[in-house]
């Protein structure tokens, strides 16, 4: 008999803020599935609705994670789209989130939320250069590294950003801070003097992948 103790599997929950989308879809799937007992014609509606419900359960998964090691961790699951130096000395790391990624974003560093600002804008695809003018939520954190800015950007499909926190909230590194429904883009601005540890095309995991170079 083995004496090895299996480590617990990470728990997966549903992200906060998905009920306005998921609840009616799941209810419609359940009703049409029940109606197929009366008439097989209802399967024409039940099958796609059930598939859509399953897809949304996958899209809006929110797995528990142990934070990685680094001064700045990735705020999003996805692929690094660009790494751009700015005139003020900061470096912007843009992470593209596909509809298949986890959509919950996490705090890149421990600190205090200084502000959470919603900025109205368009909804062009997040990989388009004009997506900088899209609907977005700008986060600012007061941290041991100074002022850290993170921006959640909506895309052509993702038209709702759901912040979980307000100004004044304390966050630990890797804490959940908000949701972008159906993915899009998250930008993290590295302060002056902090070199990026990622390059274009690298895959990132929110709250795990190190963004700064040691």
N, C-alpha and C. Protein backbone atom coordinates (compact mmCIF):
# COMPACT_ATOMS: atom_id res chain seq x y z
N UNK A 1 0.84 -1.19 0.00
CA UNK A 1 0.00 0.00 0.00
C UNK A 1 0.88 1.25 0.00
N UNK A 2 0.64 2.16 -0.87
CA UNK A 2 1.48 3.35 -0.99
C UNK A 2 1.22 4.31 0.15
N UNK A 3 2.31 4.89 0.67
CA UNK A 3 2.21 5.88 1.73
C UNK A 3 2.24 7.31 1.19
N UNK A 4 2.31 7.44 -0.14
CA UNK A 4 2.38 8.76 -0.74
C UNK A 4 1.04 9.48 -0.57
N UNK A 5 1.13 10.75 -0.27
CA UNK A 5 -0.07 11.57 -0.12
C UNK A 5 -0.21 12.44 -1.36
N UNK A 6 -1.33 12.30 -2.05
CA UNK A 6 -1.54 13.07 -3.25
C UNK A 6 -1.82 14.53 -2.89
N UNK A 7 -1.19 15.45 -3.61
CA UNK A 7 -1.46 16.87 -3.38
C UNK A 7 -2.83 17.21 -3.92
N UNK A 8 -3.57 18.08 -3.21
CA UNK A 8 -4.92 18.42 -3.66
C UNK A 8 -4.90 19.11 -5.01
N UNK A 9 -5.88 18.80 -5.83
CA UNK A 9 -5.97 19.46 -7.12
C UNK A 9 -6.45 20.89 -6.95
N UNK A 10 -5.95 21.82 -7.77
CA UNK A 10 -6.41 23.20 -7.68
C UNK A 10 -7.91 23.28 -7.91
N UNK A 11 -8.59 24.06 -7.07
CA UNK A 11 -10.03 24.18 -7.18
C UNK A 11 -10.36 25.18 -8.29
N UNK A 12 -11.38 24.84 -9.08
CA UNK A 12 -11.81 25.71 -10.16
C UNK A 12 -13.21 26.22 -9.85
N UNK A 13 -13.37 27.51 -9.84
CA UNK A 13 -14.66 28.14 -9.60
C UNK A 13 -15.09 28.90 -10.85
N UNK A 14 -16.28 29.45 -10.81
CA UNK A 14 -16.72 30.34 -11.88
C UNK A 14 -16.40 31.77 -11.49
N UNK A 15 -16.01 32.54 -12.46
CA UNK A 15 -15.63 33.93 -12.19
C UNK A 15 -16.83 34.75 -11.73
N UNK A 16 -16.57 35.67 -10.83
CA UNK A 16 -17.61 36.62 -10.44
C UNK A 16 -17.98 37.50 -11.63
N UNK A 17 -19.27 37.82 -11.74
CA UNK A 17 -19.71 38.72 -12.80
C UNK A 17 -20.16 38.03 -14.06
N UNK A 18 -20.31 36.69 -14.05
CA UNK A 18 -20.72 35.99 -15.27
C UNK A 18 -22.21 35.66 -15.28
N UNK A 19 -22.88 35.79 -14.13
CA UNK A 19 -24.28 35.35 -14.04
C UNK A 19 -25.21 36.03 -15.03
N UNK A 20 -25.05 37.34 -15.37
CA UNK A 20 -25.96 37.93 -16.35
C UNK A 20 -25.91 37.26 -17.71
N UNK A 21 -24.78 36.60 -18.03
CA UNK A 21 -24.66 35.88 -19.30
C UNK A 21 -24.98 34.41 -19.15
N UNK A 22 -24.46 33.81 -18.10
CA UNK A 22 -24.55 32.37 -17.96
C UNK A 22 -25.94 31.91 -17.52
N UNK A 23 -26.54 32.60 -16.56
CA UNK A 23 -27.80 32.15 -15.98
C UNK A 23 -28.91 32.01 -17.02
N UNK A 24 -29.19 33.02 -17.85
CA UNK A 24 -30.27 32.86 -18.83
C UNK A 24 -29.97 31.80 -19.89
N UNK A 25 -28.70 31.68 -20.27
CA UNK A 25 -28.32 30.67 -21.26
C UNK A 25 -28.51 29.27 -20.71
N UNK A 26 -28.06 29.04 -19.46
CA UNK A 26 -28.22 27.73 -18.84
C UNK A 26 -29.69 27.40 -18.61
N UNK A 27 -30.49 28.41 -18.22
CA UNK A 27 -31.92 28.18 -18.00
C UNK A 27 -32.61 27.80 -19.31
N UNK A 28 -32.27 28.50 -20.40
CA UNK A 28 -32.87 28.19 -21.69
C UNK A 28 -32.48 26.80 -22.16
N UNK A 29 -31.23 26.40 -21.90
CA UNK A 29 -30.78 25.06 -22.28
C UNK A 29 -31.54 24.00 -21.51
N UNK A 30 -31.76 24.23 -20.20
CA UNK A 30 -32.48 23.26 -19.38
C UNK A 30 -33.94 23.12 -19.81
N UNK A 31 -34.58 24.26 -20.10
CA UNK A 31 -36.00 24.23 -20.50
C UNK A 31 -36.17 23.52 -21.84
N UNK A 32 -35.35 23.88 -22.82
CA UNK A 32 -35.49 23.25 -24.14
C UNK A 32 -35.12 21.77 -24.11
N UNK A 33 -34.17 21.41 -23.25
CA UNK A 33 -33.82 19.99 -23.11
C UNK A 33 -34.99 19.20 -22.54
N UNK A 34 -35.69 19.80 -21.57
CA UNK A 34 -36.85 19.14 -20.99
C UNK A 34 -37.99 19.00 -22.01
N UNK A 35 -38.12 20.00 -22.86
CA UNK A 35 -39.20 19.98 -23.85
C UNK A 35 -38.96 18.96 -24.97
N UNK A 36 -37.72 18.50 -25.12
CA UNK A 36 -37.47 17.49 -26.15
C UNK A 36 -38.20 16.18 -25.85
N UNK A 37 -38.59 15.97 -24.59
CA UNK A 37 -39.36 14.77 -24.23
C UNK A 37 -40.75 14.83 -24.84
N UNK A 38 -41.24 16.05 -25.04
CA UNK A 38 -42.56 16.20 -25.65
C UNK A 38 -42.49 16.20 -27.17
N UNK A 39 -41.42 16.86 -27.68
CA UNK A 39 -41.26 16.93 -29.13
C UNK A 39 -39.78 16.96 -29.49
N UNK A 40 -39.32 16.03 -30.31
CA UNK A 40 -37.90 16.02 -30.72
C UNK A 40 -37.47 17.30 -31.42
N UNK A 41 -38.43 18.08 -31.90
CA UNK A 41 -38.08 19.31 -32.60
C UNK A 41 -37.34 20.30 -31.68
N UNK A 42 -37.61 20.18 -30.37
CA UNK A 42 -36.96 21.09 -29.42
C UNK A 42 -35.45 20.86 -29.37
N UNK A 43 -35.01 19.70 -29.86
CA UNK A 43 -33.56 19.42 -29.86
C UNK A 43 -32.81 20.41 -30.73
N UNK A 44 -33.49 20.98 -31.73
CA UNK A 44 -32.85 21.97 -32.59
C UNK A 44 -32.40 23.19 -31.79
N UNK A 45 -33.12 23.47 -30.71
CA UNK A 45 -32.73 24.57 -29.84
C UNK A 45 -31.90 24.08 -28.66
N UNK A 46 -32.24 22.89 -28.14
CA UNK A 46 -31.56 22.39 -26.94
C UNK A 46 -30.09 22.09 -27.17
N UNK A 47 -29.76 21.51 -28.31
CA UNK A 47 -28.37 21.11 -28.58
C UNK A 47 -27.44 22.33 -28.63
N UNK A 48 -27.73 23.36 -29.44
CA UNK A 48 -26.81 24.50 -29.47
C UNK A 48 -26.78 25.27 -28.15
N UNK A 49 -27.94 25.33 -27.45
CA UNK A 49 -27.95 26.04 -26.18
C UNK A 49 -27.13 25.30 -25.12
N UNK A 50 -27.20 23.99 -25.14
CA UNK A 50 -26.40 23.20 -24.20
C UNK A 50 -24.91 23.35 -24.52
N UNK A 51 -24.58 23.33 -25.81
CA UNK A 51 -23.18 23.52 -26.21
C UNK A 51 -22.69 24.91 -25.81
N UNK A 52 -23.54 25.91 -25.97
CA UNK A 52 -23.16 27.28 -25.60
C UNK A 52 -22.95 27.39 -24.09
N UNK A 53 -23.81 26.72 -23.33
CA UNK A 53 -23.65 26.73 -21.87
C UNK A 53 -22.33 26.08 -21.46
N UNK A 54 -22.01 24.95 -22.10
CA UNK A 54 -20.74 24.29 -21.81
C UNK A 54 -19.55 25.17 -22.16
N UNK A 55 -19.65 25.87 -23.29
CA UNK A 55 -18.58 26.77 -23.70
C UNK A 55 -18.40 27.92 -22.71
N UNK A 56 -19.51 28.46 -22.21
CA UNK A 56 -19.43 29.56 -21.27
C UNK A 56 -18.85 29.10 -19.93
N UNK A 57 -19.18 27.88 -19.51
CA UNK A 57 -18.58 27.34 -18.28
C UNK A 57 -17.06 27.26 -18.42
N UNK A 58 -16.60 26.92 -19.61
CA UNK A 58 -15.16 26.85 -19.86
C UNK A 58 -14.56 28.25 -19.94
N UNK A 59 -15.23 29.13 -20.68
CA UNK A 59 -14.71 30.49 -20.84
C UNK A 59 -14.58 31.21 -19.51
N UNK A 60 -15.53 30.99 -18.60
CA UNK A 60 -15.58 31.75 -17.35
C UNK A 60 -15.04 30.97 -16.15
N UNK A 61 -14.17 29.99 -16.41
CA UNK A 61 -13.55 29.28 -15.31
C UNK A 61 -12.58 30.20 -14.57
N UNK A 62 -12.39 29.93 -13.30
CA UNK A 62 -11.53 30.78 -12.48
C UNK A 62 -10.74 29.89 -11.52
N UNK A 63 -9.66 29.26 -11.99
CA UNK A 63 -8.92 28.32 -11.15
C UNK A 63 -8.13 29.02 -10.04
N UNK A 64 -8.04 28.35 -8.90
CA UNK A 64 -7.16 28.82 -7.84
C UNK A 64 -5.71 28.63 -8.27
N UNK A 65 -4.84 29.56 -7.87
CA UNK A 65 -3.44 29.49 -8.25
C UNK A 65 -2.55 29.95 -7.10
N UNK A 66 -1.36 29.36 -7.05
CA UNK A 66 -0.34 29.83 -6.13
C UNK A 66 0.50 30.88 -6.86
N UNK A 67 0.70 32.06 -6.26
CA UNK A 67 1.44 33.12 -6.95
C UNK A 67 2.86 32.69 -7.32
N UNK A 68 3.35 33.20 -8.44
CA UNK A 68 4.72 32.95 -8.85
C UNK A 68 5.68 33.81 -8.05
N UNK A 69 6.92 33.83 -8.46
CA UNK A 69 7.96 34.60 -7.77
C UNK A 69 8.45 35.70 -8.70
N UNK A 70 8.44 36.93 -8.22
CA UNK A 70 8.90 38.06 -9.02
C UNK A 70 8.36 39.35 -8.46
N UNK A 71 9.00 40.45 -8.79
CA UNK A 71 8.50 41.74 -8.34
C UNK A 71 7.17 42.08 -9.01
N UNK A 72 7.05 41.70 -10.29
CA UNK A 72 5.83 41.95 -11.05
C UNK A 72 5.41 40.66 -11.75
N UNK A 73 4.18 40.24 -11.52
CA UNK A 73 3.65 39.04 -12.15
C UNK A 73 2.63 39.42 -13.21
N UNK A 74 2.42 38.53 -14.15
CA UNK A 74 1.47 38.80 -15.23
C UNK A 74 0.07 39.03 -14.67
N UNK A 75 -0.63 40.07 -15.15
CA UNK A 75 -2.00 40.29 -14.73
C UNK A 75 -3.02 39.47 -15.51
N UNK A 76 -2.56 38.78 -16.57
CA UNK A 76 -3.51 38.10 -17.45
C UNK A 76 -2.93 36.84 -18.06
N UNK A 77 -3.82 35.89 -18.36
CA UNK A 77 -3.47 34.74 -19.19
C UNK A 77 -3.47 35.21 -20.64
N UNK A 78 -2.52 34.77 -21.43
CA UNK A 78 -2.53 35.15 -22.83
C UNK A 78 -1.17 35.08 -23.48
N UNK A 79 -0.99 35.91 -24.50
CA UNK A 79 0.25 35.96 -25.27
C UNK A 79 0.74 37.41 -25.30
N UNK A 80 2.03 37.60 -25.07
CA UNK A 80 2.59 38.95 -25.11
C UNK A 80 2.50 39.48 -26.54
N UNK A 81 1.77 40.56 -26.70
CA UNK A 81 1.53 41.14 -28.02
C UNK A 81 2.60 42.18 -28.39
N UNK A 82 3.04 42.92 -27.39
CA UNK A 82 4.07 43.93 -27.65
C UNK A 82 4.77 44.29 -26.35
N UNK A 83 6.02 44.74 -26.48
CA UNK A 83 6.81 45.26 -25.37
C UNK A 83 7.39 46.57 -25.85
N UNK A 84 6.85 47.69 -25.34
CA UNK A 84 7.17 49.00 -25.90
C UNK A 84 7.72 49.95 -24.84
N UNK A 85 8.90 50.54 -25.08
CA UNK A 85 9.40 51.59 -24.19
C UNK A 85 8.60 52.87 -24.41
N UNK A 86 8.34 53.59 -23.32
CA UNK A 86 7.59 54.85 -23.40
C UNK A 86 8.52 56.01 -23.10
N UNK A 87 8.11 57.21 -23.54
CA UNK A 87 8.95 58.40 -23.37
C UNK A 87 9.22 58.72 -21.91
N UNK A 88 8.32 58.32 -21.00
CA UNK A 88 8.50 58.64 -19.58
C UNK A 88 9.41 57.64 -18.86
N UNK A 89 10.00 56.71 -19.61
CA UNK A 89 10.92 55.75 -19.01
C UNK A 89 10.29 54.41 -18.66
N UNK A 90 8.97 54.36 -18.70
CA UNK A 90 8.29 53.09 -18.40
C UNK A 90 8.31 52.18 -19.63
N UNK A 91 7.97 50.91 -19.41
CA UNK A 91 7.85 49.94 -20.50
C UNK A 91 6.47 49.31 -20.43
N UNK A 92 5.75 49.36 -21.55
CA UNK A 92 4.42 48.76 -21.59
C UNK A 92 4.50 47.33 -22.13
N UNK A 93 3.95 46.40 -21.36
CA UNK A 93 3.83 45.01 -21.80
C UNK A 93 2.35 44.75 -22.06
N UNK A 94 2.00 44.50 -23.32
CA UNK A 94 0.61 44.26 -23.71
C UNK A 94 0.38 42.76 -23.88
N UNK A 95 -0.63 42.24 -23.20
CA UNK A 95 -0.94 40.81 -23.23
C UNK A 95 -2.31 40.60 -23.87
N UNK A 96 -2.33 39.87 -24.97
CA UNK A 96 -3.58 39.58 -25.68
C UNK A 96 -4.23 38.34 -25.10
N UNK A 97 -5.51 38.47 -24.74
CA UNK A 97 -6.29 37.35 -24.19
C UNK A 97 -7.26 36.85 -25.25
N UNK A 98 -7.16 35.59 -25.62
CA UNK A 98 -8.09 35.00 -26.58
C UNK A 98 -9.33 34.52 -25.83
N UNK A 99 -10.42 34.22 -26.54
CA UNK A 99 -11.62 33.70 -25.88
C UNK A 99 -11.38 32.38 -25.14
N UNK A 100 -10.28 31.70 -25.40
CA UNK A 100 -10.00 30.42 -24.73
C UNK A 100 -9.21 30.58 -23.44
N UNK A 101 -8.72 31.80 -23.18
CA UNK A 101 -7.96 32.03 -21.96
C UNK A 101 -8.89 32.23 -20.76
N UNK A 102 -8.34 32.05 -19.56
CA UNK A 102 -9.05 32.47 -18.35
C UNK A 102 -9.19 33.98 -18.40
N UNK A 103 -10.35 34.51 -18.08
CA UNK A 103 -10.62 35.93 -18.27
C UNK A 103 -10.47 36.76 -17.00
N UNK A 104 -10.18 36.11 -15.88
CA UNK A 104 -10.00 36.83 -14.62
C UNK A 104 -8.59 37.41 -14.57
N UNK A 105 -8.50 38.68 -14.27
CA UNK A 105 -7.20 39.35 -14.17
C UNK A 105 -6.77 39.47 -12.71
N UNK A 106 -5.46 39.50 -12.49
CA UNK A 106 -4.92 39.47 -11.14
C UNK A 106 -3.94 40.62 -10.90
N UNK A 107 -3.79 40.98 -9.63
CA UNK A 107 -2.89 42.06 -9.26
C UNK A 107 -1.45 41.67 -9.55
N UNK A 108 -0.72 42.49 -10.29
CA UNK A 108 0.67 42.14 -10.63
C UNK A 108 1.63 42.31 -9.46
N UNK A 109 1.20 43.04 -8.43
CA UNK A 109 2.08 43.35 -7.31
C UNK A 109 1.21 43.68 -6.10
N UNK A 110 1.75 43.49 -4.91
CA UNK A 110 1.03 43.84 -3.69
C UNK A 110 1.02 45.35 -3.50
N UNK A 111 -0.06 45.86 -2.92
CA UNK A 111 -0.13 47.29 -2.67
C UNK A 111 -1.55 47.74 -2.37
N UNK A 112 -1.79 49.01 -2.64
CA UNK A 112 -3.10 49.62 -2.42
C UNK A 112 -3.64 50.14 -3.74
N UNK A 113 -4.92 49.88 -4.01
CA UNK A 113 -5.55 50.40 -5.22
C UNK A 113 -5.76 51.90 -5.03
N UNK A 114 -5.09 52.70 -5.84
CA UNK A 114 -5.22 54.15 -5.76
C UNK A 114 -6.46 54.62 -6.51
N UNK A 115 -6.68 54.06 -7.70
CA UNK A 115 -7.84 54.47 -8.49
C UNK A 115 -8.23 53.37 -9.47
N UNK A 116 -9.52 53.36 -9.81
CA UNK A 116 -10.06 52.46 -10.82
C UNK A 116 -10.92 53.33 -11.74
N UNK A 117 -10.38 53.67 -12.90
CA UNK A 117 -11.04 54.65 -13.77
C UNK A 117 -11.56 54.00 -15.04
N UNK A 118 -12.87 54.15 -15.26
CA UNK A 118 -13.47 53.66 -16.50
C UNK A 118 -13.36 54.74 -17.57
N UNK A 119 -12.87 54.36 -18.75
CA UNK A 119 -12.71 55.30 -19.86
C UNK A 119 -13.52 54.78 -21.04
N UNK A 120 -14.46 55.56 -21.51
CA UNK A 120 -15.29 55.15 -22.65
C UNK A 120 -14.46 55.13 -23.92
N UNK A 121 -14.86 54.27 -24.87
CA UNK A 121 -14.13 54.18 -26.13
C UNK A 121 -14.79 53.21 -27.08
N UNK A 122 -14.04 52.80 -28.11
CA UNK A 122 -14.58 51.92 -29.14
C UNK A 122 -14.42 50.46 -28.79
N UNK A 123 -14.64 49.61 -29.80
CA UNK A 123 -14.58 48.15 -29.60
C UNK A 123 -13.93 47.47 -30.80
N UNK A 124 -12.81 48.01 -31.26
CA UNK A 124 -12.11 47.36 -32.37
C UNK A 124 -11.35 46.15 -31.81
N UNK A 125 -10.99 45.17 -32.65
CA UNK A 125 -10.25 44.00 -32.15
C UNK A 125 -9.01 44.39 -31.37
N UNK A 126 -8.74 43.65 -30.29
CA UNK A 126 -7.66 44.01 -29.37
C UNK A 126 -6.28 43.95 -30.02
N UNK A 127 -6.15 43.17 -31.12
CA UNK A 127 -4.85 43.09 -31.79
C UNK A 127 -4.64 44.25 -32.76
N UNK A 128 -5.66 45.10 -32.95
CA UNK A 128 -5.56 46.25 -33.83
C UNK A 128 -4.81 47.38 -33.12
N UNK A 129 -3.97 48.10 -33.84
CA UNK A 129 -3.20 49.18 -33.22
C UNK A 129 -4.09 50.28 -32.65
N UNK A 130 -5.32 50.41 -33.18
CA UNK A 130 -6.24 51.43 -32.70
C UNK A 130 -6.99 51.01 -31.43
N UNK A 131 -6.70 49.80 -30.92
CA UNK A 131 -7.40 49.33 -29.73
C UNK A 131 -7.02 50.13 -28.48
N UNK A 132 -5.95 50.95 -28.57
CA UNK A 132 -5.59 51.82 -27.44
C UNK A 132 -6.72 52.80 -27.13
N UNK A 133 -7.61 53.01 -28.10
CA UNK A 133 -8.73 53.94 -27.90
C UNK A 133 -10.02 53.21 -27.52
N UNK A 134 -9.91 51.92 -27.24
CA UNK A 134 -11.09 51.13 -26.87
C UNK A 134 -11.60 51.46 -25.47
N UNK A 135 -12.78 50.96 -25.18
CA UNK A 135 -13.32 50.98 -23.82
C UNK A 135 -12.30 50.31 -22.90
N UNK A 136 -12.04 50.93 -21.74
CA UNK A 136 -11.00 50.37 -20.88
C UNK A 136 -11.21 50.79 -19.42
N UNK A 137 -10.53 50.07 -18.55
CA UNK A 137 -10.49 50.42 -17.13
C UNK A 137 -9.03 50.55 -16.74
N UNK A 138 -8.68 51.71 -16.21
CA UNK A 138 -7.30 52.01 -15.84
C UNK A 138 -7.14 51.85 -14.33
N UNK A 139 -6.22 50.96 -13.93
CA UNK A 139 -5.92 50.71 -12.52
C UNK A 139 -4.60 51.36 -12.17
N UNK A 140 -4.54 51.93 -10.97
CA UNK A 140 -3.27 52.43 -10.44
C UNK A 140 -3.08 51.87 -9.02
N UNK A 141 -1.90 51.32 -8.81
CA UNK A 141 -1.57 50.71 -7.52
C UNK A 141 -0.40 51.46 -6.88
N UNK A 142 -0.52 51.72 -5.59
CA UNK A 142 0.59 52.26 -4.81
C UNK A 142 1.35 51.08 -4.23
N UNK A 143 2.60 50.89 -4.62
CA UNK A 143 3.35 49.70 -4.26
C UNK A 143 4.76 50.06 -3.80
N UNK A 144 5.49 49.05 -3.35
CA UNK A 144 6.88 49.25 -2.95
C UNK A 144 7.75 49.66 -4.14
N UNK A 145 7.29 49.37 -5.36
CA UNK A 145 8.01 49.76 -6.58
C UNK A 145 7.60 51.14 -7.07
N UNK A 146 6.67 51.77 -6.37
CA UNK A 146 6.14 53.05 -6.81
C UNK A 146 4.75 52.88 -7.41
N UNK A 147 4.35 53.84 -8.23
CA UNK A 147 3.04 53.80 -8.88
C UNK A 147 3.07 52.82 -10.05
N UNK A 148 2.18 51.83 -10.00
CA UNK A 148 2.09 50.82 -11.07
C UNK A 148 0.73 50.97 -11.76
N UNK A 149 0.76 51.05 -13.09
CA UNK A 149 -0.47 51.19 -13.88
C UNK A 149 -0.77 49.91 -14.65
N UNK A 150 -2.02 49.51 -14.62
CA UNK A 150 -2.51 48.36 -15.38
C UNK A 150 -3.79 48.78 -16.08
N UNK A 151 -3.96 48.36 -17.33
CA UNK A 151 -5.14 48.76 -18.10
C UNK A 151 -5.83 47.53 -18.67
N UNK A 152 -7.11 47.37 -18.35
CA UNK A 152 -7.95 46.33 -18.97
C UNK A 152 -8.63 46.94 -20.18
N UNK A 153 -8.47 46.33 -21.34
CA UNK A 153 -8.99 46.90 -22.58
C UNK A 153 -10.01 45.96 -23.21
N UNK A 154 -11.18 46.50 -23.51
CA UNK A 154 -12.21 45.71 -24.19
C UNK A 154 -11.85 45.54 -25.65
N UNK A 155 -12.45 44.53 -26.29
CA UNK A 155 -12.20 44.28 -27.71
C UNK A 155 -13.48 44.25 -28.51
N UNK A 156 -13.44 43.60 -29.66
CA UNK A 156 -14.61 43.54 -30.54
C UNK A 156 -15.72 42.68 -29.94
N UNK A 157 -15.32 41.62 -29.21
CA UNK A 157 -16.30 40.71 -28.58
C UNK A 157 -16.49 41.05 -27.11
N UNK A 158 -15.37 41.32 -26.42
CA UNK A 158 -15.43 41.62 -24.98
C UNK A 158 -15.91 43.06 -24.80
N UNK A 159 -17.15 43.21 -24.39
CA UNK A 159 -17.71 44.56 -24.29
C UNK A 159 -18.09 44.92 -22.86
N UNK A 160 -17.56 44.17 -21.92
CA UNK A 160 -17.86 44.50 -20.53
C UNK A 160 -16.67 44.14 -19.66
N UNK A 161 -16.18 45.12 -18.92
CA UNK A 161 -15.12 44.92 -17.96
C UNK A 161 -15.73 45.04 -16.58
N UNK A 162 -15.45 44.06 -15.72
CA UNK A 162 -16.06 44.01 -14.39
C UNK A 162 -14.96 44.12 -13.33
N UNK A 163 -14.73 45.32 -12.77
CA UNK A 163 -13.76 45.44 -11.68
C UNK A 163 -14.31 44.81 -10.41
N UNK A 164 -13.46 44.14 -9.66
CA UNK A 164 -13.87 43.53 -8.40
C UNK A 164 -13.58 44.42 -7.21
N UNK A 165 -12.71 45.42 -7.38
CA UNK A 165 -12.25 46.23 -6.25
C UNK A 165 -12.47 47.71 -6.53
N UNK A 166 -12.39 48.50 -5.45
CA UNK A 166 -12.50 49.94 -5.55
C UNK A 166 -11.24 50.59 -4.97
N UNK A 167 -11.12 51.88 -5.20
CA UNK A 167 -9.98 52.62 -4.66
C UNK A 167 -9.93 52.45 -3.14
N UNK A 168 -8.73 52.27 -2.63
CA UNK A 168 -8.53 52.08 -1.20
C UNK A 168 -8.35 50.64 -0.79
N UNK A 169 -8.69 49.72 -1.68
CA UNK A 169 -8.57 48.29 -1.35
C UNK A 169 -7.11 47.88 -1.29
N UNK A 170 -6.79 46.99 -0.33
CA UNK A 170 -5.46 46.41 -0.23
C UNK A 170 -5.44 45.11 -1.04
N UNK A 171 -4.37 44.89 -1.79
CA UNK A 171 -4.27 43.67 -2.58
C UNK A 171 -2.94 42.98 -2.32
N UNK A 172 -2.98 41.67 -2.32
CA UNK A 172 -1.76 40.87 -2.31
C UNK A 172 -1.42 40.53 -3.74
N UNK A 173 -0.17 40.24 -4.00
CA UNK A 173 0.24 39.88 -5.35
C UNK A 173 -0.50 38.62 -5.79
N UNK A 174 -1.11 38.68 -6.96
CA UNK A 174 -1.85 37.54 -7.49
C UNK A 174 -3.32 37.53 -7.14
N UNK A 175 -3.79 38.50 -6.34
CA UNK A 175 -5.22 38.57 -6.00
C UNK A 175 -6.05 38.85 -7.25
N UNK A 176 -7.25 38.33 -7.29
CA UNK A 176 -8.18 38.63 -8.38
C UNK A 176 -8.63 40.08 -8.27
N UNK A 177 -8.59 40.81 -9.39
CA UNK A 177 -9.00 42.21 -9.35
C UNK A 177 -10.14 42.53 -10.31
N UNK A 178 -10.38 41.68 -11.31
CA UNK A 178 -11.46 41.99 -12.24
C UNK A 178 -11.56 40.97 -13.36
N UNK A 179 -12.56 41.18 -14.20
CA UNK A 179 -12.89 40.24 -15.27
C UNK A 179 -13.12 41.01 -16.56
N UNK A 180 -12.60 40.48 -17.67
CA UNK A 180 -12.97 40.97 -19.00
C UNK A 180 -13.75 39.85 -19.67
N UNK A 181 -15.01 40.06 -19.94
CA UNK A 181 -15.83 39.00 -20.51
C UNK A 181 -15.40 38.70 -21.94
N UNK A 182 -15.05 37.45 -22.16
CA UNK A 182 -14.66 36.90 -23.47
C UNK A 182 -13.31 37.40 -23.96
N UNK A 183 -12.48 37.86 -23.03
CA UNK A 183 -11.10 38.15 -23.37
C UNK A 183 -10.90 39.46 -24.10
N UNK A 184 -9.67 39.88 -24.20
CA UNK A 184 -9.30 41.08 -24.92
C UNK A 184 -7.82 41.36 -24.71
N UNK A 185 -7.48 42.43 -23.94
CA UNK A 185 -6.07 42.77 -23.75
C UNK A 185 -5.87 43.43 -22.39
N UNK A 186 -4.72 43.16 -21.80
CA UNK A 186 -4.34 43.82 -20.55
C UNK A 186 -2.94 44.36 -20.72
N UNK A 187 -2.76 45.64 -20.41
CA UNK A 187 -1.46 46.29 -20.48
C UNK A 187 -0.92 46.52 -19.08
N UNK A 188 0.36 46.23 -18.89
CA UNK A 188 1.04 46.49 -17.63
C UNK A 188 2.22 47.40 -17.91
N UNK A 189 2.33 48.48 -17.14
CA UNK A 189 3.41 49.44 -17.33
C UNK A 189 4.48 49.21 -16.26
N UNK A 190 5.65 48.78 -16.71
CA UNK A 190 6.77 48.57 -15.81
C UNK A 190 7.43 49.91 -15.50
N UNK A 191 7.70 50.18 -14.22
CA UNK A 191 8.30 51.48 -13.89
C UNK A 191 9.71 51.62 -14.45
N UNK A 192 10.18 52.86 -14.52
CA UNK A 192 11.52 53.14 -15.04
C UNK A 192 12.56 52.36 -14.25
N UNK A 193 13.48 51.74 -14.96
CA UNK A 193 14.54 50.97 -14.33
C UNK A 193 14.24 49.50 -14.18
N UNK A 194 12.99 49.09 -14.48
CA UNK A 194 12.61 47.67 -14.39
C UNK A 194 12.59 47.09 -15.80
N UNK A 195 13.42 46.10 -16.05
CA UNK A 195 13.51 45.50 -17.37
C UNK A 195 12.52 44.35 -17.51
N UNK A 196 11.88 44.22 -18.68
CA UNK A 196 10.93 43.12 -18.89
C UNK A 196 11.64 41.78 -19.04
N UNK A 197 11.03 40.73 -18.52
CA UNK A 197 11.58 39.38 -18.65
C UNK A 197 10.87 38.59 -19.73
N UNK A 198 9.92 39.23 -20.43
CA UNK A 198 9.15 38.55 -21.48
C UNK A 198 9.39 39.25 -22.81
N UNK A 199 9.14 38.51 -23.88
CA UNK A 199 9.25 39.06 -25.22
C UNK A 199 7.98 38.73 -26.00
N UNK A 200 7.83 39.36 -27.15
CA UNK A 200 6.64 39.15 -27.99
C UNK A 200 6.51 37.66 -28.33
N UNK A 201 5.30 37.14 -28.14
CA UNK A 201 5.03 35.74 -28.43
C UNK A 201 5.06 34.84 -27.21
N UNK A 202 5.62 35.33 -26.09
CA UNK A 202 5.64 34.53 -24.87
C UNK A 202 4.23 34.35 -24.33
N UNK A 203 3.96 33.17 -23.78
CA UNK A 203 2.68 32.91 -23.13
C UNK A 203 2.79 33.23 -21.65
N UNK A 204 1.72 33.81 -21.11
CA UNK A 204 1.72 34.20 -19.71
C UNK A 204 0.55 33.57 -18.97
N UNK A 205 0.72 33.40 -17.67
CA UNK A 205 -0.32 32.90 -16.78
C UNK A 205 -0.52 33.94 -15.69
N UNK A 206 -1.75 34.42 -15.51
CA UNK A 206 -2.04 35.47 -14.54
C UNK A 206 -1.65 35.05 -13.13
N UNK A 207 -0.89 35.91 -12.47
CA UNK A 207 -0.50 35.66 -11.10
C UNK A 207 0.62 34.68 -10.95
N UNK A 208 1.18 34.17 -12.06
CA UNK A 208 2.22 33.15 -12.01
C UNK A 208 3.47 33.58 -12.78
N UNK A 209 3.30 34.01 -14.03
CA UNK A 209 4.45 34.33 -14.89
C UNK A 209 5.13 35.62 -14.46
N UNK A 210 6.44 35.56 -14.29
CA UNK A 210 7.20 36.75 -13.93
C UNK A 210 7.34 37.67 -15.14
N UNK A 211 7.08 38.97 -14.94
CA UNK A 211 7.16 39.94 -16.02
C UNK A 211 8.45 40.73 -15.97
N UNK A 212 9.00 40.95 -14.76
CA UNK A 212 10.22 41.75 -14.63
C UNK A 212 11.45 40.84 -14.61
N UNK A 213 12.57 41.39 -15.05
CA UNK A 213 13.82 40.66 -15.02
C UNK A 213 14.52 40.87 -13.68
N UNK A 214 14.98 39.78 -13.09
CA UNK A 214 15.62 39.86 -11.77
C UNK A 214 16.89 40.70 -11.82
